[in-house]
C-alpha atoms as a PDB file:
ATOM      1  CA  MET A   1     112.193  99.940  98.338  1.00  0.00           C
ATOM      2  CA  GLU A   2     109.866 102.969  99.828  1.00  0.00           C
ATOM      3  CA  ALA A   3     108.410 106.148  98.876  1.00  0.00           C
ATOM      4  CA  LYS A   4     107.223 109.014 101.297  1.00  0.00           C
ATOM      5  CA  ALA A   5     104.910 111.869 101.045  1.00  0.00           C
ATOM      6  CA  VAL A   6     104.051 114.463 103.499  1.00  0.00           C
ATOM      7  CA  ALA A   7     101.430 117.066 103.747  1.00  0.00           C
ATOM      8  CA  LYS A   8     102.439 119.720 106.737  1.00  0.00           C
ATOM      9  CA  TYR A   9      99.638 122.339 108.172  1.00  0.00           C
ATOM     10  CA  THR A  10      96.665 120.932 106.628  1.00  0.00           C
ATOM     11  CA  ARG A  11      93.646 122.729 107.989  1.00  0.00           C
ATOM     12  CA  ILE A  12      91.480 119.617 109.147  1.00  0.00           C
ATOM     13  CA  ALA A  13      91.395 118.073 112.441  1.00  0.00           C
ATOM     14  CA  PRO A  14      93.713 115.104 112.668  1.00  0.00           C
ATOM     15  CA  THR A  15      91.033 113.014 114.269  1.00  0.00           C
ATOM     16  CA  LYS A  16      88.833 113.223 110.781  1.00  0.00           C
ATOM     17  CA  VAL A  17      91.891 112.120 108.792  1.00  0.00           C
ATOM     18  CA  ARG A  18      92.744 108.911 111.147  1.00  0.00           C
ATOM     19  CA  LYS A  19      89.348 108.059 110.450  1.00  0.00           C
ATOM     20  CA  VAL A  20      89.821 107.468 106.742  1.00  0.00           C
ATOM     21  CA  ALA A  21      93.296 106.860 107.240  1.00  0.00           C
ATOM     22  CA  ARG A  22      92.296 103.746 108.873  1.00  0.00           C
ATOM     23  CA  ALA A  23      89.938 102.502 105.903  1.00  0.00           C
ATOM     24  CA  VAL A  24      93.047 102.518 103.412  1.00  0.00           C
ATOM     25  CA  LYS A  25      95.901 101.474 105.345  1.00  0.00           C
ATOM     26  CA  GLY A  26      97.542  97.883 103.958  1.00  0.00           C
ATOM     27  CA  MET A  27      95.772  98.540 100.838  1.00  0.00           C
ATOM     28  CA  SER A  28      97.459  98.779  97.163  1.00  0.00           C
ATOM     29  CA  ALA A  29      98.099 102.107  96.438  1.00  0.00           C
ATOM     30  CA  GLU A  30      95.364 102.028  93.030  1.00  0.00           C
ATOM     31  CA  ASP A  31      92.886 100.453  95.217  1.00  0.00           C
ATOM     32  CA  ALA A  32      93.537 103.224  98.074  1.00  0.00           C
ATOM     33  CA  LEU A  33      92.667 105.769  95.213  1.00  0.00           C
ATOM     34  CA  ASN A  34      89.623 104.269  93.990  1.00  0.00           C
ATOM     35  CA  LEU A  35      88.159 103.706  97.458  1.00  0.00           C
ATOM     36  CA  LEU A  36      88.958 107.601  98.422  1.00  0.00           C
ATOM     37  CA  ALA A  37      87.478 108.571  95.073  1.00  0.00           C
ATOM     38  CA  CYS A  38      84.154 107.217  96.294  1.00  0.00           C
ATOM     39  CA  MET A  39      84.235 108.276 100.023  1.00  0.00           C
ATOM     40  CA  PRO A  40      82.217 111.756 100.844  1.00  0.00           C
ATOM     41  CA  GLN A  41      84.438 112.988 103.514  1.00  0.00           C
ATOM     42  CA  ARG A  42      86.980 115.934 102.916  1.00  0.00           C
ATOM     43  CA  SER A  43      89.976 114.386 104.284  1.00  0.00           C
ATOM     44  CA  ALA A  44      89.388 111.583 101.698  1.00  0.00           C
ATOM     45  CA  LYS A  45      90.316 114.115  99.202  1.00  0.00           C
ATOM     46  CA  ILE A  46      93.103 115.242 101.104  1.00  0.00           C
ATOM     47  CA  LEU A  47      94.532 111.944 101.588  1.00  0.00           C
ATOM     48  CA  GLY A  48      94.177 111.025  97.940  1.00  0.00           C
ATOM     49  CA  LYS A  49      96.271 113.823  97.169  1.00  0.00           C
ATOM     50  CA  VAL A  50      99.271 112.810  99.388  1.00  0.00           C
ATOM     51  CA  ILE A  51      98.906 109.147  98.145  1.00  0.00           C
ATOM     52  CA  ARG A  52      99.174 110.575  94.537  1.00  0.00           C
ATOM     53  CA  SER A  53     102.288 112.578  95.592  1.00  0.00           C
ATOM     54  CA  ALA A  54     103.930 109.394  96.961  1.00  0.00           C
ATOM     55  CA  VAL A  55     103.063 107.571  94.033  1.00  0.00           C
ATOM     56  CA  ALA A  56     104.432 110.466  92.110  1.00  0.00           C
ATOM     57  CA  ASN A  57     107.685 110.481  94.134  1.00  0.00           C
ATOM     58  CA  ALA A  58     108.175 106.763  93.903  1.00  0.00           C
ATOM     59  CA  ASP A  59     107.876 107.242  90.054  1.00  0.00           C
ATOM     60  CA  GLN A  60     111.124 109.186  90.284  1.00  0.00           C
ATOM     61  CA  LYS A  61     113.167 106.254  91.420  1.00  0.00           C
ATOM     62  CA  PRO A  62     114.279 103.721  88.421  1.00  0.00           C
ATOM     63  CA  ASP A  63     114.531 100.592  90.482  1.00  0.00           C
ATOM     64  CA  ILE A  64     110.623 101.123  91.845  1.00  0.00           C
ATOM     65  CA  ASP A  65     107.808  99.708  89.934  1.00  0.00           C
ATOM     66  CA  VAL A  66     104.734 101.752  90.510  1.00  0.00           C
ATOM     67  CA  ASP A  67     102.206  99.201  89.886  1.00  0.00           C
ATOM     68  CA  SER A  68     103.360  97.188  92.755  1.00  0.00           C
ATOM     69  CA  LEU A  69     103.098  99.947  95.641  1.00  0.00           C
ATOM     70  CA  SER A  70     100.994  99.376  98.759  1.00  0.00           C
ATOM     71  CA  ILE A  71     100.462 101.816 101.797  1.00  0.00           C
ATOM     72  CA  SER A  72     102.671 100.572 104.389  1.00  0.00           C
ATOM     73  CA  ASN A  73     101.732 103.394 107.016  1.00  0.00           C
ATOM     74  CA  ILE A  74      99.687 106.564 106.935  1.00  0.00           C
ATOM     75  CA  ILE A  75     100.909 108.899 110.322  1.00  0.00           C
ATOM     76  CA  VAL A  76      98.638 111.673 111.300  1.00  0.00           C
ATOM     77  CA  ASN A  77      99.727 113.886 113.835  1.00  0.00           C
ATOM     78  CA  GLN A  78      98.668 117.270 114.821  1.00  0.00           C
ATOM     79  CA  GLY A  79      99.808 120.365 114.048  1.00  0.00           C
ATOM     80  CA  PRO A  80      99.583 123.832 115.448  1.00  0.00           C
ATOM     81  CA  SER A  81      96.126 125.103 116.500  1.00  0.00           C
ATOM     82  CA  LEU A  82      94.380 128.558 115.354  1.00  0.00           C
ATOM     83  CA  LYS A  83      93.030 130.344 118.352  1.00  0.00           C
ATOM     84  CA  ARG A  84      90.276 131.829 117.703  1.00  0.00           C
ATOM     85  CA  PHE A  85      87.240 133.293 120.152  1.00  0.00           C
ATOM     86  CA  ARG A  86      83.917 134.005 119.993  1.00  0.00           C
ATOM     87  CA  ALA A  87      81.749 136.303 121.861  1.00  0.00           C
ATOM     88  CA  ARG A  88      79.544 135.139 124.761  1.00  0.00           C
ATOM     89  CA  ALA A  89      76.985 136.383 126.960  1.00  0.00           C
ATOM     90  CA  MET A  90      77.906 139.164 129.301  1.00  0.00           C
ATOM     91  CA  GLY A  91      81.056 140.136 127.930  1.00  0.00           C
ATOM     92  CA  ARG A  92      82.502 136.607 128.068  1.00  0.00           C
ATOM     93  CA  ALA A  93      84.409 135.057 125.200  1.00  0.00           C
ATOM     94  CA  THR A  94      85.069 131.211 124.460  1.00  0.00           C
ATOM     95  CA  ARG A  95      88.044 130.052 122.753  1.00  0.00           C
ATOM     96  CA  ILE A  96      87.676 128.175 119.342  1.00  0.00           C
ATOM     97  CA  LEU A  97      90.844 126.051 117.996  1.00  0.00           C
ATOM     98  CA  LYS A  98      91.073 125.029 114.552  1.00  0.00           C
ATOM     99  CA  ARG A  99      93.104 122.331 114.475  1.00  0.00           C
ATOM    100  CA  THR A 100      95.801 121.561 111.740  1.00  0.00           C
ATOM    101  CA  SER A 101      97.274 117.923 110.552  1.00  0.00           C
ATOM    102  CA  HIS A 102     100.397 116.716 109.426  1.00  0.00           C
ATOM    103  CA  ILE A 103      99.864 113.744 107.144  1.00  0.00           C
ATOM    104  CA  SER A 104     102.829 111.143 106.152  1.00  0.00           C
ATOM    105  CA  VAL A 105     101.869 108.351 103.749  1.00  0.00           C
ATOM    106  CA  VAL A 106     104.998 105.502 103.072  1.00  0.00           C
ATOM    107  CA  LEU A 107     104.556 103.271 100.493  1.00  0.00           C
ATOM    108  CA  GLU A 108     106.301 100.038 100.092  1.00  0.00           C
ATOM    109  CA  GLU A 109     106.777  97.773  96.787  1.00  0.00           C
ATOM    110  CA  ARG A 110     105.083  94.045  97.221  1.00  0.00           C
END
């Protein structure tokens, strides 16, 4: 059995989240949460929330043992970008893209 959790429109660039997601993919859920608690990156806190949500979703299913869950897949896709601009010299402007992420976590029983 598997359990899923999805966080959409998270205001962090997907490349920053993927860097942390690669470190915890394949780990047990408990080990991953312990590792993410020690990481200094902002995306580690966000990813920890999504994993905790997936564990809570698995807890709602009566035939899943929560202690034997492991992360089978983490998918980080790019969401829509907020488009802003910054004033530059001689009346020009440059575009600033504030990127968003869609984060999906799939947990499986081992």
